[in-house]
Structures are given as structure tokens and as C-alpha cells.
C-alpha atoms as a PDB file:
ATOM      1  CA  MET A   1      -8.006 -26.653   0.327  1.00  0.00           C
ATOM      2  CA  ARG A   2      -7.169 -26.310   3.987  1.00  0.00           C
ATOM      3  CA  LYS A   3      -7.181 -23.006   5.821  1.00  0.00           C
ATOM      4  CA  LEU A   4      -3.756 -22.120   7.161  1.00  0.00           C
ATOM      5  CA  LYS A   5      -3.158 -21.608  10.857  1.00  0.00           C
ATOM      6  CA  ASN A   6      -1.600 -18.325  11.944  1.00  0.00           C
ATOM      7  CA  GLU A   7       1.685 -20.024  12.813  1.00  0.00           C
ATOM      8  CA  GLU A   8       1.868 -21.383   9.244  1.00  0.00           C
ATOM      9  CA  LEU A   9       1.723 -17.945   7.633  1.00  0.00           C
ATOM     10  CA  GLY A  10       5.394 -17.114   8.185  1.00  0.00           C
ATOM     11  CA  ARG A  11       4.735 -13.565   9.348  1.00  0.00           C
ATOM     12  CA  LEU A  12       7.368 -11.317  10.865  1.00  0.00           C
ATOM     13  CA  ASN A  13       7.477 -10.668  14.573  1.00  0.00           C
ATOM     14  CA  VAL A  14       7.502  -7.032  15.751  1.00  0.00           C
ATOM     15  CA  ASP A  15      11.306  -6.837  15.985  1.00  0.00           C
ATOM     16  CA  GLN A  16      11.719  -8.297  12.495  1.00  0.00           C
ATOM     17  CA  PHE A  17       9.081  -5.922  11.144  1.00  0.00           C
ATOM     18  CA  LYS A  18      10.872  -2.891  12.568  1.00  0.00           C
ATOM     19  CA  LYS A  19      14.122  -3.977  10.855  1.00  0.00           C
ATOM     20  CA  THR A  20      12.485  -4.753   7.505  1.00  0.00           C
ATOM     21  CA  GLU A  21      12.775  -2.252   4.667  1.00  0.00           C
ATOM     22  CA  LYS A  22       9.493  -0.380   4.205  1.00  0.00           C
ATOM     23  CA  ILE A  23       7.951   1.017   1.064  1.00  0.00           C
ATOM     24  CA  PRO A  24       8.517   4.803   0.773  1.00  0.00           C
ATOM     25  CA  VAL A  25       4.955   5.633   1.813  1.00  0.00           C
ATOM     26  CA  SER A  26       3.602   7.248   4.970  1.00  0.00           C
ATOM     27  CA  ILE A  27      -0.029   7.756   5.916  1.00  0.00           C
ATOM     28  CA  VAL A  28      -1.437  10.959   7.398  1.00  0.00           C
ATOM     29  CA  LEU A  29      -4.753  10.701   9.251  1.00  0.00           C
ATOM     30  CA  ASP A  30      -6.161  14.176   9.907  1.00  0.00           C
ATOM     31  CA  ASN A  31      -9.182  14.687  12.158  1.00  0.00           C
ATOM     32  CA  ILE A  32     -10.341  11.071  11.994  1.00  0.00           C
ATOM     33  CA  ARG A  33     -13.124  10.473  14.516  1.00  0.00           C
ATOM     34  CA  SER A  34     -13.498   6.715  14.341  1.00  0.00           C
ATOM     35  CA  LEU A  35     -11.103   4.772  16.533  1.00  0.00           C
ATOM     36  CA  ASN A  36     -11.958   1.661  14.522  1.00  0.00           C
ATOM     37  CA  ASN A  37     -10.873   3.411  11.315  1.00  0.00           C
ATOM     38  CA  ILE A  38      -7.589   4.402  12.935  1.00  0.00           C
ATOM     39  CA  GLY A  39      -6.953   0.836  14.079  1.00  0.00           C
ATOM     40  CA  SER A  40      -7.838  -0.574  10.676  1.00  0.00           C
ATOM     41  CA  VAL A  41      -5.384   1.757   8.945  1.00  0.00           C
ATOM     42  CA  PHE A  42      -2.645   0.641  11.358  1.00  0.00           C
ATOM     43  CA  ARG A  43      -3.370  -2.989  10.495  1.00  0.00           C
ATOM     44  CA  THR A  44      -3.283  -2.326   6.745  1.00  0.00           C
ATOM     45  CA  ALA A  45      -0.072  -0.292   7.159  1.00  0.00           C
ATOM     46  CA  ASP A  46       1.493  -3.296   8.889  1.00  0.00           C
ATOM     47  CA  ALA A  47       0.349  -5.678   6.128  1.00  0.00           C
ATOM     48  CA  PHE A  48       1.986  -3.633   3.361  1.00  0.00           C
ATOM     49  CA  LEU A  49       5.132  -2.367   5.128  1.00  0.00           C
ATOM     50  CA  ILE A  50       4.149   1.305   5.357  1.00  0.00           C
ATOM     51  CA  LYS A  51       6.960   3.489   6.663  1.00  0.00           C
ATOM     52  CA  LYS A  52       5.015   5.573   9.192  1.00  0.00           C
ATOM     53  CA  ILE A  53       1.608   6.877  10.228  1.00  0.00           C
ATOM     54  CA  TYR A  54       1.098  10.498  11.269  1.00  0.00           C
ATOM     55  CA  LEU A  55      -1.932  11.253  13.423  1.00  0.00           C
ATOM     56  CA  CYS A  56      -3.117  14.880  13.308  1.00  0.00           C
ATOM     57  CA  GLY A  57      -5.814  17.099  14.766  1.00  0.00           C
ATOM     58  CA  ILE A  58      -8.520  15.271  16.710  1.00  0.00           C
ATOM     59  CA  THR A  59      -7.271  11.847  15.565  1.00  0.00           C
ATOM     60  CA  ALA A  60      -6.856   9.671  18.657  1.00  0.00           C
ATOM     61  CA  THR A  61      -3.543   8.017  19.423  1.00  0.00           C
ATOM     62  CA  PRO A  62      -2.570   4.641  20.829  1.00  0.00           C
ATOM     63  CA  PRO A  63      -2.829   3.168  23.323  1.00  0.00           C
ATOM     64  CA  HIS A  64      -6.601   2.989  23.229  1.00  0.00           C
ATOM     65  CA  LYS A  65      -8.751  -0.127  23.536  1.00  0.00           C
ATOM     66  CA  ASP A  66     -10.928   0.753  20.519  1.00  0.00           C
ATOM     67  CA  ILE A  67      -7.886   1.369  18.290  1.00  0.00           C
ATOM     68  CA  HIS A  68      -6.322  -1.861  19.560  1.00  0.00           C
ATOM     69  CA  LYS A  69      -9.533  -3.788  18.805  1.00  0.00           C
ATOM     70  CA  THR A  70      -9.043  -3.324  15.047  1.00  0.00           C
ATOM     71  CA  ALA A  71      -5.260  -2.793  14.925  1.00  0.00           C
ATOM     72  CA  LEU A  72      -4.630  -6.152  16.629  1.00  0.00           C
ATOM     73  CA  GLY A  73      -1.140  -5.107  17.737  1.00  0.00           C
ATOM     74  CA  ALA A  74      -0.133  -3.130  14.643  1.00  0.00           C
ATOM     75  CA  THR A  75       0.291  -0.037  16.825  1.00  0.00           C
ATOM     76  CA  ASP A  76       3.358  -1.830  18.229  1.00  0.00           C
ATOM     77  CA  SER A  77       4.878  -2.622  14.829  1.00  0.00           C
ATOM     78  CA  VAL A  78       4.093   0.431  12.690  1.00  0.00           C
ATOM     79  CA  GLU A  79       5.976   3.609  13.557  1.00  0.00           C
ATOM     80  CA  TRP A  80       3.644   6.504  14.333  1.00  0.00           C
ATOM     81  CA  GLU A  81       3.776  10.096  15.498  1.00  0.00           C
ATOM     82  CA  TYR A  82       1.202  12.621  16.650  1.00  0.00           C
ATOM     83  CA  VAL A  83       1.486  16.096  15.098  1.00  0.00           C
ATOM     84  CA  GLU A  84      -1.329  18.385  16.220  1.00  0.00           C
ATOM     85  CA  ASP A  85      -1.249  20.790  13.258  1.00  0.00           C
ATOM     86  CA  ILE A  86      -1.246  19.110   9.862  1.00  0.00           C
ATOM     87  CA  MET A  87       0.038  22.291   8.205  1.00  0.00           C
ATOM     88  CA  VAL A  88       3.180  22.096  10.360  1.00  0.00           C
ATOM     89  CA  LEU A  89       3.583  18.465   9.309  1.00  0.00           C
ATOM     90  CA  LEU A  90       3.128  19.283   5.618  1.00  0.00           C
ATOM     91  CA  GLU A  91       5.833  21.947   5.821  1.00  0.00           C
ATOM     92  CA  ARG A  92       8.179  19.459   7.503  1.00  0.00           C
ATOM     93  CA  LEU A  93       7.453  16.803   4.864  1.00  0.00           C
ATOM     94  CA  ARG A  94       8.058  19.336   2.086  1.00  0.00           C
ATOM     95  CA  LYS A  95      11.506  20.103   3.566  1.00  0.00           C
ATOM     96  CA  GLU A  96      12.192  16.348   3.620  1.00  0.00           C
ATOM     97  CA  GLU A  97      11.233  16.219  -0.090  1.00  0.00           C
ATOM     98  CA  VAL A  98       8.268  13.929   0.562  1.00  0.00           C
ATOM     99  CA  LYS A  99       5.531  14.155  -2.095  1.00  0.00           C
ATOM    100  CA  THR A 100       2.264  14.985  -0.327  1.00  0.00           C
ATOM    101  CA  ILE A 101      -0.872  13.543  -1.888  1.00  0.00           C
ATOM    102  CA  ALA A 102      -4.415  14.215  -0.698  1.00  0.00           C
ATOM    103  CA  ILE A 103      -6.801  11.319  -1.244  1.00  0.00           C
ATOM    104  CA  GLU A 104      -9.878  13.276  -2.195  1.00  0.00           C
ATOM    105  CA  GLN A 105     -12.376  14.119  -4.918  1.00  0.00           C
ATOM    106  CA  ALA A 106     -11.227  17.410  -6.385  1.00  0.00           C
ATOM    107  CA  GLU A 107     -10.962  19.340  -9.623  1.00  0.00           C
ATOM    108  CA  GLY A 108      -7.892  18.151 -11.468  1.00  0.00           C
ATOM    109  CA  ALA A 109      -7.448  15.052  -9.333  1.00  0.00           C
ATOM    110  CA  GLU A 110      -5.580  12.188 -10.959  1.00  0.00           C
ATOM    111  CA  MET A 111      -7.391   8.864 -10.971  1.00  0.00           C
ATOM    112  CA  LEU A 112      -5.618   6.293  -8.840  1.00  0.00           C
ATOM    113  CA  HIS A 113      -5.315   3.684 -11.581  1.00  0.00           C
ATOM    114  CA  GLU A 114      -3.545   6.234 -13.826  1.00  0.00           C
ATOM    115  CA  PHE A 115      -0.992   7.273 -11.185  1.00  0.00           C
ATOM    116  CA  LYS A 116       2.486   5.790 -11.386  1.00  0.00           C
ATOM    117  CA  PRO A 117       4.591   6.227  -8.228  1.00  0.00           C
ATOM    118  CA  VAL A 118       8.309   6.773  -8.737  1.00  0.00           C
ATOM    119  CA  PRO A 119      10.183   4.181  -6.609  1.00  0.00           C
ATOM    120  CA  GLN A 120      12.924   6.689  -5.686  1.00  0.00           C
ATOM    121  CA  ASP A 121      10.410   9.203  -4.300  1.00  0.00           C
ATOM    122  CA  SER A 122       8.819   9.218  -0.846  1.00  0.00           C
ATOM    123  CA  TYR A 123       5.093   9.802  -0.458  1.00  0.00           C
ATOM    124  CA  ALA A 124       2.682  10.878   2.264  1.00  0.00           C
ATOM    125  CA  LEU A 125      -0.934   9.913   1.598  1.00  0.00           C
ATOM    126  CA  ILE A 126      -3.347  12.245   3.381  1.00  0.00           C
ATOM    127  CA  TYR A 127      -6.809  11.212   4.558  1.00  0.00           C
ATOM    128  CA  GLY A 128      -9.275  13.621   6.115  1.00  0.00           C
ATOM    129  CA  ASN A 129     -12.332  13.583   8.320  1.00  0.00           C
ATOM    130  CA  GLU A 130     -14.974  10.926   7.631  1.00  0.00           C
ATOM    131  CA  VAL A 131     -17.656  13.540   6.875  1.00  0.00           C
ATOM    132  CA  LYS A 132     -15.778  16.617   5.630  1.00  0.00           C
ATOM    133  CA  GLY A 133     -12.846  14.925   3.904  1.00  0.00           C
ATOM    134  CA  VAL A 134      -9.429  16.511   3.516  1.00  0.00           C
ATOM    135  CA  GLN A 135      -9.510  20.177   4.505  1.00  0.00           C
ATOM    136  CA  GLN A 136      -9.350  22.574   1.532  1.00  0.00           C
ATOM    137  CA  LYS A 137      -6.240  24.295   2.931  1.00  0.00           C
ATOM    138  CA  VAL A 138      -4.554  20.881   3.051  1.00  0.00           C
ATOM    139  CA  VAL A 139      -5.617  20.057  -0.520  1.00  0.00           C
ATOM    140  CA  ASP A 140      -4.213  23.447  -1.577  1.00  0.00           C
ATOM    141  CA  SER A 141      -0.916  22.675   0.137  1.00  0.00           C
ATOM    142  CA  CYS A 142      -0.437  19.181  -1.296  1.00  0.00           C
ATOM    143  CA  ASP A 143       1.661  18.339  -4.329  1.00  0.00           C
ATOM    144  CA  SER A 144      -1.236  16.474  -5.901  1.00  0.00           C
ATOM    145  CA  VAL A 145      -4.610  14.844  -5.356  1.00  0.00           C
ATOM    146  CA  LEU A 146      -5.520  11.239  -6.100  1.00  0.00           C
ATOM    147  CA  GLU A 147      -9.084  10.071  -6.493  1.00  0.00           C
ATOM    148  CA  ILE A 148     -10.328   6.510  -6.254  1.00  0.00           C
ATOM    149  CA  PRO A 149     -12.700   5.939  -9.173  1.00  0.00           C
ATOM    150  CA  GLN A 150     -16.203   4.963  -8.033  1.00  0.00           C
ATOM    151  CA  PHE A 151     -19.058   3.821 -10.218  1.00  0.00           C
ATOM    152  CA  GLY A 152     -22.068   3.335  -7.924  1.00  0.00           C
ATOM    153  CA  THR A 153     -24.471   5.712  -6.227  1.00  0.00           C
ATOM    154  CA  LYS A 154     -22.407   6.565  -3.126  1.00  0.00           C
ATOM    155  CA  HIS A 155     -20.074   9.543  -3.012  1.00  0.00           C
ATOM    156  CA  SER A 156     -17.296   8.134  -0.866  1.00  0.00           C
ATOM    157  CA  LEU A 157     -15.658   5.125   0.743  1.00  0.00           C
ATOM    158  CA  ASN A 158     -14.972   4.493   4.405  1.00  0.00           C
ATOM    159  CA  ILE A 159     -11.527   5.825   5.440  1.00  0.00           C
ATOM    160  CA  SER A 160     -10.156   2.372   6.223  1.00  0.00           C
ATOM    161  CA  VAL A 161     -11.430   0.985   2.908  1.00  0.00           C
ATOM    162  CA  SER A 162     -10.011   3.963   1.008  1.00  0.00           C
ATOM    163  CA  ALA A 163      -6.656   3.539   2.738  1.00  0.00           C
ATOM    164  CA  GLY A 164      -6.647  -0.167   1.915  1.00  0.00           C
ATOM    165  CA  VAL A 165      -7.345   0.458  -1.766  1.00  0.00           C
ATOM    166  CA  VAL A 166      -4.661   3.148  -2.131  1.00  0.00           C
ATOM    167  CA  ILE A 167      -2.036   1.378  -0.020  1.00  0.00           C
ATOM    168  CA  TRP A 168      -2.510  -1.840  -2.018  1.00  0.00           C
ATOM    169  CA  ASP A 169      -2.268   0.134  -5.264  1.00  0.00           C
ATOM    170  CA  PHE A 170       0.997   1.784  -4.193  1.00  0.00           C
ATOM    171  CA  TRP A 171       2.443  -1.485  -2.867  1.00  0.00           C
ATOM    172  CA  SER A 172       1.605  -3.416  -6.025  1.00  0.00           C
ATOM    173  CA  LYS A 173       2.976  -0.695  -8.331  1.00  0.00           C
ATOM    174  CA  LEU A 174       6.170  -0.244  -6.296  1.00  0.00           C
ATOM    175  CA  ASN A 175       6.765  -4.010  -6.169  1.00  0.00           C
ATOM    176  CA  ALA A 176       5.857  -4.814  -9.802  1.00  0.00           C
END
């Protein structure tokens, strides 16, 4: 086997990406401290045609060299918006009939592998602070909670890893 060169991959350019139909999924990053995590989520959102990223609270916004370092230009392709107060955003999404889903460990959470997204629905996947997780008031306000099953000794995954797992799961189920 021979590794492919970037120009052999047949990827979209930024203009083509912006015109391409996206999956009905947005990402909400609330109070994310790590600029590398933010950049990584942008890059994953680009890879799987995510509709939009919302940045809330203390989450930094592009342009920033440390976001760019991991996003590798995805901040130019993926639509994003800063909304300071996540509760304001959740109310807006509710009015737009977007299903809000906290990615968190919580009582009554549905395991990711058991969840079946409805292709006609729109979703916003909410990720919280690296240490504290999704705020309880946000969990309370969401339509549901999804949990990524884990079987080792650690209690959580890195935000960018968690986003990658859930985004891939949604993409694969919506494109099955």
C-alpha cells in the first residue's frame, strides 16, 4: 500500500464545503478552556459536515493561533457563532425546534450506541467544561442526555475525543 498525498484525497475546497449539504447537527462548546480542544472540534466538524459550531461562555473564538494550530483551517470552512449565554442559545434553539442533547454522565442518560437520530430532526450536541462538564442548569434544560459508554478506570474522555466519537456516531447513523 502507498500512502496518498493530500492532493489525491479529493477533498472539497472551502467554497465547495460551504455549498455542500450538511448533516442536521450543530455542536455547542460551553466554557471550554483548551484552545487545542476547540480547534480539534472544528477539524472534526469539517470532516463530518457539521452544520455549525456555537461557542459559549469562556470558550475562545477564532482567529487565534492556538485554535488554528489544531483546526488547520477548519475555522474558515465550518460556520460558527459566539453566544455568551448558553441559556439564551438553548431558548433560541428550542424555538427553532432543534433537539438539544447534553453529552454527559447523568441519571437517565441514554447510551450513545442505543440512540437512533431521526434524519428529519435537527440536533445540537452540547459539551461542557473539561473539568466540570455540562452545567446542571444546561442538563436540566436539554431535551435529553447522551452518555458515551466507558469500560476502563477513567471517568471521562477529552472533549475533542468525546466530540469525535459522538459526531462519528451521528454521521454514520444518519448516512446508513
